[in-house]
Amino acid sequence: TLLNHAQMLFKQAKERIPTSMLNKLVKAALERHEPPLYQLKRPKIYYATQVASEPPTIVLVCNQPQGFTNQYRRYLLNFLRDHLPFGEIPIKLYLQPRKRDDQRDEIQTERVPAGAKPGEQWEGAFAGQDLGPDTYGATGFEDVPLEDEDEFEDSDDQSIELFEEEEDLPE
């Protein structure tokens, strides 16, 4: 009946596929039919993940999204449709370039010797440097200046009051 078919389509749309299963399917698709060369190199897919349902949305993280032709994208979409429980509903497929780790700001860290106590001095790259809470703030992260601090001062939102001394705390 029509109602049973609608329920089946709804169930398909709600389905979530584990990343490991998607990766195995994409690997099988690549082994069956490799992508064509792009600028004398073969584009690579690093991993696949489902980022949404209703409709199912799959992102393929790759090195060169522009290197995958429309025909190859259609091949991947049809391969996934044939092997996943989304046979009768639309699937969105996106190719996204991998974000490089070296573009992020990283805080330098150093391994602490086993058995070292908090605050204890040790020989290493940061030896002799004051790395107390004032270095990176109380949270351990650098303070990031706001673009326009004045916009928060005139806000009607309730603000949190900070107290310097214990005796300033409200009863």
N, C-alpha and C. Protein backbone atom coordinates (compact mmCIF):
# COMPACT_ATOMS: atom_id res chain seq x y z
N THR A 1 0.83 -1.18 0.00
CA THR A 1 0.00 0.00 0.00
C THR A 1 0.88 1.25 0.00
N LEU A 2 0.24 2.34 -0.23
CA LEU A 2 0.95 3.61 -0.30
C LEU A 2 1.53 4.01 1.05
N LEU A 3 0.78 3.77 2.12
CA LEU A 3 1.26 4.12 3.46
C LEU A 3 2.49 3.30 3.84
N ASN A 4 2.50 2.01 3.52
CA ASN A 4 3.67 1.17 3.81
C ASN A 4 4.90 1.65 3.04
N HIS A 5 4.69 2.04 1.78
CA HIS A 5 5.80 2.53 0.97
C HIS A 5 6.35 3.85 1.55
N ALA A 6 5.46 4.73 1.99
CA ALA A 6 5.90 5.99 2.60
C ALA A 6 6.68 5.72 3.88
N GLN A 7 6.24 4.76 4.68
CA GLN A 7 6.96 4.41 5.91
C GLN A 7 8.35 3.85 5.59
N MET A 8 8.44 3.05 4.53
CA MET A 8 9.73 2.48 4.13
C MET A 8 10.68 3.60 3.67
N LEU A 9 10.18 4.56 2.91
CA LEU A 9 11.01 5.68 2.46
C LEU A 9 11.47 6.53 3.65
N PHE A 10 10.57 6.72 4.61
CA PHE A 10 10.93 7.48 5.81
C PHE A 10 12.03 6.76 6.58
N LYS A 11 11.91 5.44 6.69
CA LYS A 11 12.93 4.65 7.39
C LYS A 11 14.28 4.75 6.67
N GLN A 12 14.26 4.70 5.33
CA GLN A 12 15.50 4.84 4.57
C GLN A 12 16.14 6.21 4.80
N ALA A 13 15.31 7.24 4.84
CA ALA A 13 15.84 8.60 5.01
C ALA A 13 16.46 8.80 6.39
N LYS A 14 16.00 8.08 7.40
CA LYS A 14 16.51 8.22 8.77
C LYS A 14 17.77 7.38 9.01
N GLU A 15 18.12 6.51 8.10
CA GLU A 15 19.22 5.55 8.28
C GLU A 15 20.56 6.27 8.42
N ARG A 16 21.37 5.83 9.39
CA ARG A 16 22.73 6.34 9.58
C ARG A 16 23.71 5.21 9.27
N ILE A 17 24.74 5.51 8.50
CA ILE A 17 25.73 4.51 8.11
C ILE A 17 27.04 4.83 8.82
N PRO A 18 27.66 3.83 9.48
CA PRO A 18 28.94 4.08 10.16
C PRO A 18 30.03 4.47 9.15
N THR A 19 30.93 5.31 9.59
CA THR A 19 32.03 5.78 8.74
C THR A 19 32.87 4.62 8.23
N SER A 20 33.09 3.61 9.08
CA SER A 20 33.91 2.48 8.65
C SER A 20 33.28 1.75 7.47
N MET A 21 31.96 1.61 7.49
CA MET A 21 31.27 0.93 6.38
C MET A 21 31.35 1.77 5.11
N LEU A 22 31.17 3.08 5.24
CA LEU A 22 31.29 3.96 4.07
C LEU A 22 32.69 3.90 3.49
N ASN A 23 33.70 3.89 4.36
CA ASN A 23 35.08 3.82 3.88
C ASN A 23 35.35 2.54 3.11
N LYS A 24 34.80 1.41 3.60
CA LYS A 24 34.98 0.14 2.89
C LYS A 24 34.30 0.18 1.52
N LEU A 25 33.11 0.76 1.46
CA LEU A 25 32.40 0.86 0.18
C LEU A 25 33.14 1.76 -0.80
N VAL A 26 33.64 2.88 -0.32
CA VAL A 26 34.38 3.80 -1.21
C VAL A 26 35.66 3.14 -1.70
N LYS A 27 36.32 2.40 -0.81
CA LYS A 27 37.54 1.69 -1.22
C LYS A 27 37.21 0.66 -2.31
N ALA A 28 36.10 -0.05 -2.14
CA ALA A 28 35.68 -1.03 -3.15
C ALA A 28 35.36 -0.34 -4.47
N ALA A 29 34.71 0.82 -4.41
CA ALA A 29 34.39 1.57 -5.63
C ALA A 29 35.67 2.03 -6.34
N LEU A 30 36.66 2.48 -5.55
CA LEU A 30 37.92 2.93 -6.14
C LEU A 30 38.69 1.77 -6.76
N GLU A 31 38.65 0.60 -6.11
CA GLU A 31 39.35 -0.57 -6.66
C GLU A 31 38.68 -1.07 -7.93
N ARG A 32 37.37 -0.96 -7.98
CA ARG A 32 36.63 -1.42 -9.16
C ARG A 32 36.87 -0.50 -10.36
N HIS A 33 36.91 0.81 -10.08
CA HIS A 33 37.09 1.78 -11.16
C HIS A 33 37.80 3.01 -10.60
N GLU A 34 39.08 3.18 -10.95
CA GLU A 34 39.87 4.31 -10.43
C GLU A 34 39.41 5.62 -11.06
N PRO A 35 39.58 6.73 -10.34
CA PRO A 35 39.24 8.02 -10.94
C PRO A 35 40.25 8.36 -12.04
N PRO A 36 39.82 9.12 -13.04
CA PRO A 36 40.75 9.50 -14.11
C PRO A 36 41.82 10.45 -13.59
N LEU A 37 42.94 10.50 -14.32
CA LEU A 37 44.04 11.39 -13.95
C LEU A 37 43.59 12.84 -14.07
N TYR A 38 44.11 13.66 -13.17
CA TYR A 38 43.86 15.10 -13.20
C TYR A 38 45.21 15.78 -13.02
N GLN A 39 45.63 16.54 -14.00
CA GLN A 39 46.94 17.20 -14.00
C GLN A 39 48.05 16.19 -13.71
N LEU A 40 48.01 15.07 -14.41
CA LEU A 40 48.98 13.98 -14.35
C LEU A 40 49.03 13.28 -12.99
N LYS A 41 48.04 13.50 -12.15
CA LYS A 41 47.97 12.82 -10.85
C LYS A 41 46.57 12.23 -10.68
N ARG A 42 46.50 11.13 -9.94
CA ARG A 42 45.21 10.52 -9.66
C ARG A 42 44.65 11.10 -8.37
N PRO A 43 43.45 11.69 -8.40
CA PRO A 43 42.87 12.22 -7.16
C PRO A 43 42.65 11.11 -6.14
N LYS A 44 42.80 11.45 -4.87
CA LYS A 44 42.66 10.47 -3.79
C LYS A 44 41.49 10.83 -2.90
N ILE A 45 40.81 9.82 -2.40
CA ILE A 45 39.77 10.00 -1.38
C ILE A 45 40.36 9.47 -0.09
N TYR A 46 40.41 10.32 0.94
CA TYR A 46 40.99 9.91 2.22
C TYR A 46 39.99 9.17 3.09
N TYR A 47 38.77 9.68 3.16
CA TYR A 47 37.74 8.97 3.92
C TYR A 47 36.37 9.53 3.54
N ALA A 48 35.34 8.79 3.92
CA ALA A 48 33.96 9.18 3.68
C ALA A 48 33.22 9.17 5.00
N THR A 49 32.27 10.09 5.13
CA THR A 49 31.46 10.13 6.35
C THR A 49 30.08 10.67 6.01
N GLN A 50 29.09 10.18 6.74
CA GLN A 50 27.73 10.68 6.58
C GLN A 50 27.55 11.83 7.56
N VAL A 51 27.25 13.01 7.05
CA VAL A 51 27.15 14.19 7.90
C VAL A 51 25.71 14.56 8.23
N ALA A 52 24.75 13.98 7.53
CA ALA A 52 23.34 14.30 7.80
C ALA A 52 22.46 13.18 7.26
N SER A 53 21.24 13.16 7.77
CA SER A 53 20.22 12.28 7.22
C SER A 53 19.03 13.16 6.86
N GLU A 54 18.11 12.60 6.11
CA GLU A 54 16.91 13.32 5.64
C GLU A 54 17.26 14.53 4.80
N PRO A 55 17.78 14.48 3.63
CA PRO A 55 18.24 13.28 2.94
C PRO A 55 19.64 12.90 3.38
N PRO A 56 20.01 11.65 3.15
CA PRO A 56 21.36 11.22 3.51
C PRO A 56 22.40 12.06 2.77
N THR A 57 23.34 12.60 3.52
CA THR A 57 24.38 13.46 2.95
C THR A 57 25.73 12.87 3.29
N ILE A 58 26.50 12.56 2.26
CA ILE A 58 27.80 11.92 2.43
C ILE A 58 28.88 12.86 1.92
N VAL A 59 29.93 13.03 2.74
CA VAL A 59 31.06 13.88 2.35
C VAL A 59 32.26 12.97 2.13
N LEU A 60 32.90 13.14 0.98
CA LEU A 60 34.14 12.44 0.67
C LEU A 60 35.27 13.46 0.81
N VAL A 61 36.17 13.22 1.75
CA VAL A 61 37.30 14.12 1.95
C VAL A 61 38.43 13.65 1.04
N CYS A 62 38.89 14.55 0.17
CA CYS A 62 39.86 14.16 -0.86
C CYS A 62 40.92 15.24 -1.02
N ASN A 63 41.92 14.94 -1.86
CA ASN A 63 42.99 15.91 -2.07
C ASN A 63 42.66 16.92 -3.16
N GLN A 64 41.91 16.52 -4.19
CA GLN A 64 41.60 17.42 -5.30
C GLN A 64 40.14 17.23 -5.73
N PRO A 65 39.20 17.91 -5.10
CA PRO A 65 37.79 17.73 -5.49
C PRO A 65 37.54 18.06 -6.96
N GLN A 66 38.24 19.05 -7.50
CA GLN A 66 38.04 19.43 -8.89
C GLN A 66 38.55 18.35 -9.86
N GLY A 67 39.32 17.40 -9.37
CA GLY A 67 39.86 16.34 -10.22
C GLY A 67 38.88 15.22 -10.51
N PHE A 68 37.75 15.20 -9.81
CA PHE A 68 36.74 14.17 -10.04
C PHE A 68 35.73 14.69 -11.05
N THR A 69 35.66 14.02 -12.19
CA THR A 69 34.73 14.44 -13.24
C THR A 69 33.29 14.17 -12.81
N ASN A 70 32.36 14.80 -13.52
CA ASN A 70 30.93 14.56 -13.23
C ASN A 70 30.57 13.10 -13.44
N GLN A 71 31.16 12.47 -14.46
CA GLN A 71 30.88 11.06 -14.72
C GLN A 71 31.35 10.20 -13.54
N TYR A 72 32.53 10.51 -13.00
CA TYR A 72 33.03 9.72 -11.89
C TYR A 72 32.22 9.98 -10.63
N ARG A 73 31.77 11.19 -10.42
CA ARG A 73 30.90 11.48 -9.27
C ARG A 73 29.59 10.69 -9.38
N ARG A 74 29.04 10.63 -10.58
CA ARG A 74 27.82 9.84 -10.80
C ARG A 74 28.07 8.37 -10.54
N TYR A 75 29.24 7.87 -10.98
CA TYR A 75 29.61 6.48 -10.72
C TYR A 75 29.65 6.21 -9.21
N LEU A 76 30.31 7.10 -8.44
CA LEU A 76 30.39 6.91 -6.99
C LEU A 76 29.01 6.94 -6.35
N LEU A 77 28.19 7.88 -6.78
CA LEU A 77 26.84 8.00 -6.23
C LEU A 77 26.01 6.74 -6.52
N ASN A 78 26.08 6.25 -7.74
CA ASN A 78 25.34 5.03 -8.09
C ASN A 78 25.88 3.81 -7.36
N PHE A 79 27.20 3.73 -7.19
CA PHE A 79 27.79 2.62 -6.46
C PHE A 79 27.30 2.62 -5.02
N LEU A 80 27.33 3.79 -4.38
CA LEU A 80 26.85 3.89 -3.00
C LEU A 80 25.35 3.58 -2.91
N ARG A 81 24.57 4.06 -3.87
CA ARG A 81 23.13 3.80 -3.87
C ARG A 81 22.84 2.30 -3.99
N ASP A 82 23.64 1.60 -4.80
CA ASP A 82 23.44 0.16 -4.98
C ASP A 82 23.81 -0.64 -3.74
N HIS A 83 24.75 -0.14 -2.94
CA HIS A 83 25.25 -0.92 -1.81
C HIS A 83 24.79 -0.42 -0.44
N LEU A 84 24.06 0.67 -0.40
CA LEU A 84 23.55 1.21 0.86
C LEU A 84 22.02 1.10 0.89
N PRO A 85 21.43 1.19 2.07
CA PRO A 85 19.97 1.06 2.15
C PRO A 85 19.22 2.34 1.76
N PHE A 86 19.75 3.08 0.78
CA PHE A 86 19.11 4.31 0.32
C PHE A 86 18.65 4.15 -1.13
N GLY A 87 18.18 2.99 -1.49
CA GLY A 87 17.88 2.70 -2.89
C GLY A 87 16.85 3.60 -3.54
N GLU A 88 15.89 4.10 -2.77
CA GLU A 88 14.78 4.82 -3.39
C GLU A 88 14.68 6.28 -2.97
N ILE A 89 15.69 6.80 -2.29
CA ILE A 89 15.65 8.20 -1.88
C ILE A 89 16.89 8.90 -2.40
N PRO A 90 16.83 10.22 -2.57
CA PRO A 90 18.00 10.94 -3.08
C PRO A 90 19.13 10.97 -2.05
N ILE A 91 20.35 10.89 -2.55
CA ILE A 91 21.55 10.97 -1.71
C ILE A 91 22.33 12.20 -2.17
N LYS A 92 22.77 13.00 -1.21
CA LYS A 92 23.64 14.13 -1.54
C LYS A 92 25.07 13.68 -1.33
N LEU A 93 25.92 13.95 -2.31
CA LEU A 93 27.33 13.56 -2.24
C LEU A 93 28.18 14.81 -2.47
N TYR A 94 29.04 15.11 -1.51
CA TYR A 94 29.92 16.27 -1.61
C TYR A 94 31.37 15.81 -1.54
N LEU A 95 32.22 16.46 -2.34
CA LEU A 95 33.66 16.25 -2.29
C LEU A 95 34.27 17.48 -1.62
N GLN A 96 35.04 17.24 -0.58
CA GLN A 96 35.59 18.35 0.20
C GLN A 96 37.10 18.18 0.30
N PRO A 97 37.86 19.26 0.11
CA PRO A 97 39.32 19.13 0.27
C PRO A 97 39.68 18.93 1.73
N ARG A 98 40.76 18.19 1.95
CA ARG A 98 41.23 17.96 3.32
C ARG A 98 41.85 19.24 3.86
N LYS A 99 41.56 19.55 5.11
CA LYS A 99 42.16 20.70 5.77
C LYS A 99 43.50 20.26 6.33
N ARG A 100 44.51 21.03 6.04
CA ARG A 100 45.86 20.68 6.48
C ARG A 100 46.07 21.08 7.93
N ASP A 101 46.70 20.22 8.71
CA ASP A 101 46.97 20.51 10.12
C ASP A 101 47.95 21.66 10.28
N ASP A 102 48.85 21.85 9.29
CA ASP A 102 49.85 22.89 9.45
C ASP A 102 49.27 24.29 9.29
N GLN A 103 48.01 24.42 8.92
CA GLN A 103 47.38 25.72 8.82
C GLN A 103 46.83 26.19 10.16
N ARG A 104 46.78 25.30 11.14
CA ARG A 104 46.25 25.65 12.45
C ARG A 104 47.36 26.21 13.33
N ASP A 105 46.98 27.07 14.25
CA ASP A 105 47.92 27.54 15.26
C ASP A 105 47.99 26.48 16.34
N GLU A 106 49.19 26.03 16.63
CA GLU A 106 49.35 25.00 17.64
C GLU A 106 50.17 25.55 18.79
N ILE A 107 49.83 25.11 20.00
CA ILE A 107 50.59 25.48 21.18
C ILE A 107 51.69 24.45 21.34
N GLN A 108 52.92 24.91 21.55
CA GLN A 108 54.02 23.98 21.75
C GLN A 108 53.85 23.28 23.09
N THR A 109 54.03 21.99 23.07
CA THR A 109 53.94 21.22 24.31
C THR A 109 55.20 20.37 24.44
N GLU A 110 55.45 19.91 25.62
CA GLU A 110 56.62 19.08 25.88
C GLU A 110 56.20 17.96 26.81
N ARG A 111 56.72 16.78 26.58
CA ARG A 111 56.45 15.65 27.47
C ARG A 111 57.09 15.89 28.82
N VAL A 112 56.33 15.61 29.85
CA VAL A 112 56.84 15.73 31.22
C VAL A 112 57.35 14.36 31.63
N PRO A 113 58.52 14.29 32.26
CA PRO A 113 59.05 12.99 32.68
C PRO A 113 58.08 12.27 33.61
N ALA A 114 58.08 10.95 33.53
CA ALA A 114 57.22 10.14 34.39
C ALA A 114 57.56 10.41 35.85
N GLY A 115 56.55 10.55 36.67
CA GLY A 115 56.75 10.77 38.09
C GLY A 115 56.95 12.22 38.48
N ALA A 116 56.95 13.15 37.52
CA ALA A 116 57.13 14.57 37.85
C ALA A 116 55.89 15.09 38.55
N LYS A 117 56.09 15.93 39.52
CA LYS A 117 54.99 16.53 40.28
C LYS A 117 54.59 17.85 39.61
N PRO A 118 53.31 18.25 39.74
CA PRO A 118 52.89 19.53 39.17
C PRO A 118 53.72 20.68 39.75
N GLY A 119 54.19 21.57 38.89
CA GLY A 119 54.97 22.71 39.32
C GLY A 119 56.44 22.41 39.53
N GLU A 120 56.84 21.15 39.43
CA GLU A 120 58.23 20.75 39.66
C GLU A 120 59.06 21.13 38.44
N GLN A 121 60.29 21.56 38.66
CA GLN A 121 61.17 21.93 37.56
C GLN A 121 61.80 20.67 36.95
N TRP A 122 62.00 20.67 35.64
CA TRP A 122 62.69 19.58 34.98
C TRP A 122 63.52 20.17 33.85
N GLU A 123 64.47 19.41 33.37
CA GLU A 123 65.32 19.87 32.28
C GLU A 123 64.60 19.59 30.97
N GLY A 124 64.49 20.58 30.14
CA GLY A 124 63.83 20.40 28.85
C GLY A 124 63.79 21.73 28.12
N ALA A 125 63.05 21.78 27.03
CA ALA A 125 62.98 22.97 26.19
C ALA A 125 62.42 24.17 26.94
N PHE A 126 61.49 23.94 27.89
CA PHE A 126 60.88 25.03 28.62
C PHE A 126 61.49 25.21 30.01
N ALA A 127 62.59 24.54 30.30
CA ALA A 127 63.21 24.61 31.63
C ALA A 127 63.59 26.05 31.94
N GLY A 128 63.28 26.50 33.14
CA GLY A 128 63.64 27.83 33.59
C GLY A 128 62.66 28.91 33.15
N GLN A 129 61.69 28.58 32.31
CA GLN A 129 60.71 29.56 31.88
C GLN A 129 59.51 29.52 32.82
N ASP A 130 58.93 30.68 33.07
CA ASP A 130 57.74 30.74 33.91
C ASP A 130 56.54 30.39 33.04
N LEU A 131 55.96 29.23 33.26
CA LEU A 131 54.80 28.80 32.50
C LEU A 131 53.57 28.74 33.39
N GLY A 132 53.50 29.67 34.33
CA GLY A 132 52.37 29.71 35.25
C GLY A 132 51.11 30.17 34.56
N PRO A 133 50.03 30.34 35.33
CA PRO A 133 48.74 30.69 34.74
C PRO A 133 48.75 32.03 34.01
N ASP A 134 49.68 32.94 34.36
CA ASP A 134 49.70 34.23 33.69
C ASP A 134 50.22 34.14 32.26
N THR A 135 50.93 33.06 31.94
CA THR A 135 51.50 32.92 30.60
C THR A 135 50.40 32.79 29.55
N TYR A 136 49.46 31.90 29.78
CA TYR A 136 48.39 31.68 28.82
C TYR A 136 47.02 31.96 29.41
N GLY A 137 46.92 32.59 30.55
CA GLY A 137 45.64 32.82 31.19
C GLY A 137 45.27 31.62 32.03
N ALA A 138 44.23 31.75 32.79
CA ALA A 138 43.83 30.70 33.73
C ALA A 138 43.37 29.44 33.02
N THR A 139 42.90 29.55 31.79
CA THR A 139 42.38 28.38 31.09
C THR A 139 43.46 27.60 30.38
N GLY A 140 44.64 28.17 30.19
CA GLY A 140 45.69 27.48 29.46
C GLY A 140 45.72 27.87 28.00
N PHE A 141 44.81 28.74 27.56
CA PHE A 141 44.78 29.17 26.17
C PHE A 141 45.11 30.66 26.11
N GLU A 142 45.71 31.06 25.01
CA GLU A 142 46.04 32.47 24.86
C GLU A 142 44.75 33.28 24.78
N ASP A 143 44.78 34.49 25.34
CA ASP A 143 43.63 35.37 25.24
C ASP A 143 43.56 35.91 23.82
N VAL A 144 42.39 35.85 23.24
CA VAL A 144 42.18 36.36 21.90
C VAL A 144 41.42 37.67 22.02
N PRO A 145 41.99 38.78 21.54
CA PRO A 145 41.28 40.06 21.68
C PRO A 145 40.01 40.06 20.83
N LEU A 146 38.98 40.67 21.37
CA LEU A 146 37.72 40.79 20.64
C LEU A 146 37.86 41.88 19.59
N GLU A 147 37.09 41.75 18.52
CA GLU A 147 37.12 42.75 17.46
C GLU A 147 36.66 44.11 18.01
N ASP A 148 35.52 44.12 18.70
CA ASP A 148 34.97 45.35 19.24
C ASP A 148 34.43 45.05 20.62
N GLU A 149 35.24 45.33 21.65
CA GLU A 149 34.84 45.00 23.01
C GLU A 149 33.70 45.86 23.50
N ASP A 150 33.52 47.08 22.93
CA ASP A 150 32.48 47.99 23.39
C ASP A 150 31.08 47.45 23.13
N GLU A 151 30.91 46.63 22.10
CA GLU A 151 29.57 46.14 21.79
C GLU A 151 29.03 45.23 22.89
N PHE A 152 29.90 44.65 23.70
CA PHE A 152 29.44 43.77 24.76
C PHE A 152 29.13 44.53 26.04
N GLU A 153 29.72 45.71 26.22
CA GLU A 153 29.50 46.48 27.43
C GLU A 153 28.09 47.04 27.50
N ASP A 154 27.51 47.42 26.36
CA ASP A 154 26.18 48.02 26.34
C ASP A 154 25.08 46.99 26.16
N SER A 155 25.42 45.74 26.21
CA SER A 155 24.45 44.68 25.98
C SER A 155 23.42 44.63 27.10
N ASP A 156 22.17 44.32 26.76
CA ASP A 156 21.10 44.18 27.76
C ASP A 156 21.11 42.81 28.41
N ASP A 157 21.95 41.89 27.94
CA ASP A 157 22.00 40.54 28.51
C ASP A 157 22.49 40.62 29.94
N GLN A 158 22.12 39.60 30.72
CA GLN A 158 22.62 39.52 32.08
C GLN A 158 24.11 39.21 32.01
N SER A 159 24.89 39.91 32.81
CA SER A 159 26.32 39.67 32.81
C SER A 159 26.71 38.94 34.08
N ILE A 160 27.84 38.26 34.02
CA ILE A 160 28.36 37.54 35.17
C ILE A 160 29.34 38.46 35.88
N GLU A 161 29.14 38.66 37.17
CA GLU A 161 30.05 39.51 37.92
C GLU A 161 31.18 38.67 38.48
N LEU A 162 32.39 39.16 38.35
CA LEU A 162 33.55 38.48 38.89
C LEU A 162 34.00 39.21 40.14
N PHE A 163 34.36 38.49 41.18
CA PHE A 163 34.74 39.08 42.44
C PHE A 163 36.21 38.82 42.68
N GLU A 164 36.93 39.88 43.08
CA GLU A 164 38.36 39.79 43.32
C GLU A 164 38.67 39.07 44.63
N GLU A 165 37.99 39.42 45.68
CA GLU A 165 38.27 38.89 47.01
C GLU A 165 37.13 38.00 47.47
N GLU A 166 37.44 37.08 48.39
CA GLU A 166 36.41 36.20 48.92
C GLU A 166 35.35 36.97 49.68
N GLU A 167 35.75 38.05 50.36
CA GLU A 167 34.76 38.79 51.15
C GLU A 167 33.79 39.56 50.27
N ASP A 168 34.13 39.75 48.96
CA ASP A 168 33.22 40.44 48.05
C ASP A 168 32.10 39.54 47.56
N LEU A 169 32.19 38.24 47.83
CA LEU A 169 31.17 37.31 47.36
C LEU A 169 29.85 37.59 48.04
N PRO A 170 28.74 37.55 47.31
CA PRO A 170 27.43 37.77 47.93
C PRO A 170 27.08 36.61 48.85
N GLU A 171 26.32 36.91 49.89
CA GLU A 171 25.92 35.87 50.87
C GLU A 171 24.82 35.02 50.30
